[in-house]
Amino acid sequence: MEQIPTITPEELQKKLEAGEKLELVDVREDEEVVFGMVPGATHIRMGDIPAKLDYFDKNKEYIFICRSSGRSGNVCNYLHDQGYKVRNMVGGMLAWTGETEYTE
């Protein structure tokens, strides 16, 4: 199986601080994201990804985030197989030390 590209939380933070426009998707459950998401991330639960494929654009790269990078890794494999450009944030939110945004 082809290795999915990854990004570390530190690399992601630097890109955000540099003002890069990134497509971030948080695949955690509702009760998890209330504690904060990476600023600018879109919340799409892992189980909803197959039904939301029309959200994704094959010309863009998406960075997937979950609690520890397991579920986001599964999502990356799934979308990669469908021909999407994906990257998994290693360590997930457990490793994220940057700012977080809270959703209502």
Protein backbone atom coordinates (compact mmCIF):
# COMPACT_ATOMS: atom_id res chain seq x y z
CA MET A 1 0.00 0.00 0.00
CA GLU A 2 1.27 3.43 -0.90
CA GLN A 3 2.43 5.58 2.00
CA ILE A 4 0.07 8.48 2.70
CA PRO A 5 1.88 11.83 3.00
CA THR A 6 1.89 13.29 6.49
CA ILE A 7 2.42 16.65 8.11
CA THR A 8 3.52 17.27 11.69
CA PRO A 9 1.55 19.62 13.94
CA GLU A 10 4.62 21.89 13.98
CA GLU A 11 4.78 22.04 10.18
CA LEU A 12 1.08 22.75 9.99
CA GLN A 13 1.37 25.52 12.56
CA LYS A 14 4.19 27.17 10.59
CA LYS A 15 2.12 27.06 7.39
CA LEU A 16 -0.86 28.62 9.16
CA GLU A 17 1.32 31.32 10.72
CA ALA A 18 2.75 32.04 7.26
CA GLY A 19 -0.80 32.65 6.08
CA GLU A 20 -1.01 29.66 3.75
CA LYS A 21 -4.54 28.80 2.65
CA LEU A 22 -4.98 25.19 3.67
CA GLU A 23 -7.89 22.79 3.43
CA LEU A 24 -8.15 21.28 6.92
CA VAL A 25 -10.75 18.69 7.79
CA ASP A 26 -11.38 17.47 11.35
CA VAL A 27 -12.98 14.01 11.29
CA ARG A 28 -13.65 13.62 15.02
CA GLU A 29 -17.08 13.21 16.57
CA ASP A 30 -19.23 16.16 17.65
CA GLU A 31 -18.48 15.65 21.34
CA GLU A 32 -14.75 15.83 20.64
CA VAL A 33 -14.59 18.96 18.51
CA VAL A 34 -16.35 21.06 21.17
CA PHE A 35 -12.99 21.10 22.98
CA GLY A 36 -11.43 22.94 20.07
CA MET A 37 -10.29 22.50 16.50
CA VAL A 38 -7.32 23.77 14.53
CA PRO A 39 -8.34 27.27 13.38
CA GLY A 40 -9.95 27.20 9.95
CA ALA A 41 -10.70 23.47 9.99
CA THR A 42 -13.97 22.14 8.61
CA HIS A 43 -15.70 19.50 10.71
CA ILE A 44 -16.86 16.42 8.81
CA ARG A 45 -17.26 13.30 10.98
CA MET A 46 -15.36 10.26 9.72
CA GLY A 47 -18.60 8.33 9.20
CA ASP A 48 -20.00 11.14 7.04
CA ILE A 49 -17.04 11.32 4.62
CA PRO A 50 -18.40 8.82 2.03
CA ALA A 51 -21.66 10.78 1.78
CA LYS A 52 -19.80 14.10 1.49
CA LEU A 53 -17.40 13.29 -1.33
CA ASP A 54 -18.83 16.16 -3.37
CA TYR A 55 -17.31 18.55 -0.78
CA PHE A 56 -13.83 17.52 -1.91
CA ASP A 57 -12.05 18.86 -5.00
CA LYS A 58 -9.45 16.61 -6.65
CA ASN A 59 -7.34 19.68 -7.50
CA LYS A 60 -6.84 20.59 -3.84
CA GLU A 61 -4.89 18.90 -1.09
CA TYR A 62 -6.68 18.21 2.18
CA ILE A 63 -5.09 17.80 5.58
CA PHE A 64 -7.02 15.47 7.87
CA ILE A 65 -7.05 15.73 11.65
CA CYS A 66 -8.46 13.56 14.42
CA ARG A 67 -7.58 12.91 18.05
CA SER A 68 -4.46 10.80 17.57
CA SER A 69 -4.17 10.43 13.73
CA GLY A 70 -5.68 6.92 13.50
CA ARG A 71 -9.09 7.82 12.12
CA SER A 72 -7.71 10.60 9.94
CA GLY A 73 -5.27 8.01 8.55
CA ASN A 74 -8.18 5.75 7.63
CA VAL A 75 -9.94 8.67 5.93
CA CYS A 76 -6.73 9.53 4.05
CA ASN A 77 -6.42 5.96 2.76
CA TYR A 78 -10.06 5.94 1.68
CA LEU A 79 -9.90 9.29 -0.14
CA HIS A 80 -6.47 8.55 -1.62
CA ASP A 81 -7.97 5.41 -3.18
CA GLN A 82 -10.69 7.62 -4.73
CA GLY A 83 -8.02 9.82 -6.31
CA TYR A 84 -7.91 12.74 -3.83
CA LYS A 85 -4.77 14.53 -2.60
CA VAL A 86 -4.55 13.98 1.13
CA ARG A 87 -2.17 14.46 4.03
CA ASN A 88 -2.54 13.15 7.57
CA MET A 89 -1.58 15.28 10.60
CA VAL A 90 0.64 13.00 12.67
CA GLY A 91 -0.26 12.69 16.34
CA GLY A 92 -3.60 14.40 15.89
CA MET A 93 -5.01 16.91 18.33
CA LEU A 94 -3.14 15.20 21.17
CA ALA A 95 0.05 16.58 19.61
CA TRP A 96 -1.35 19.97 18.56
CA THR A 97 0.10 22.80 20.65
CA GLY A 98 -1.15 25.69 18.55
CA GLU A 99 -4.26 27.78 19.01
CA THR A 100 -7.64 26.16 18.86
CA GLU A 101 -11.03 27.47 17.84
CA TYR A 102 -14.13 26.46 19.70
CA THR A 103 -17.37 25.65 17.99
CA GLU A 104 -20.73 26.29 19.59
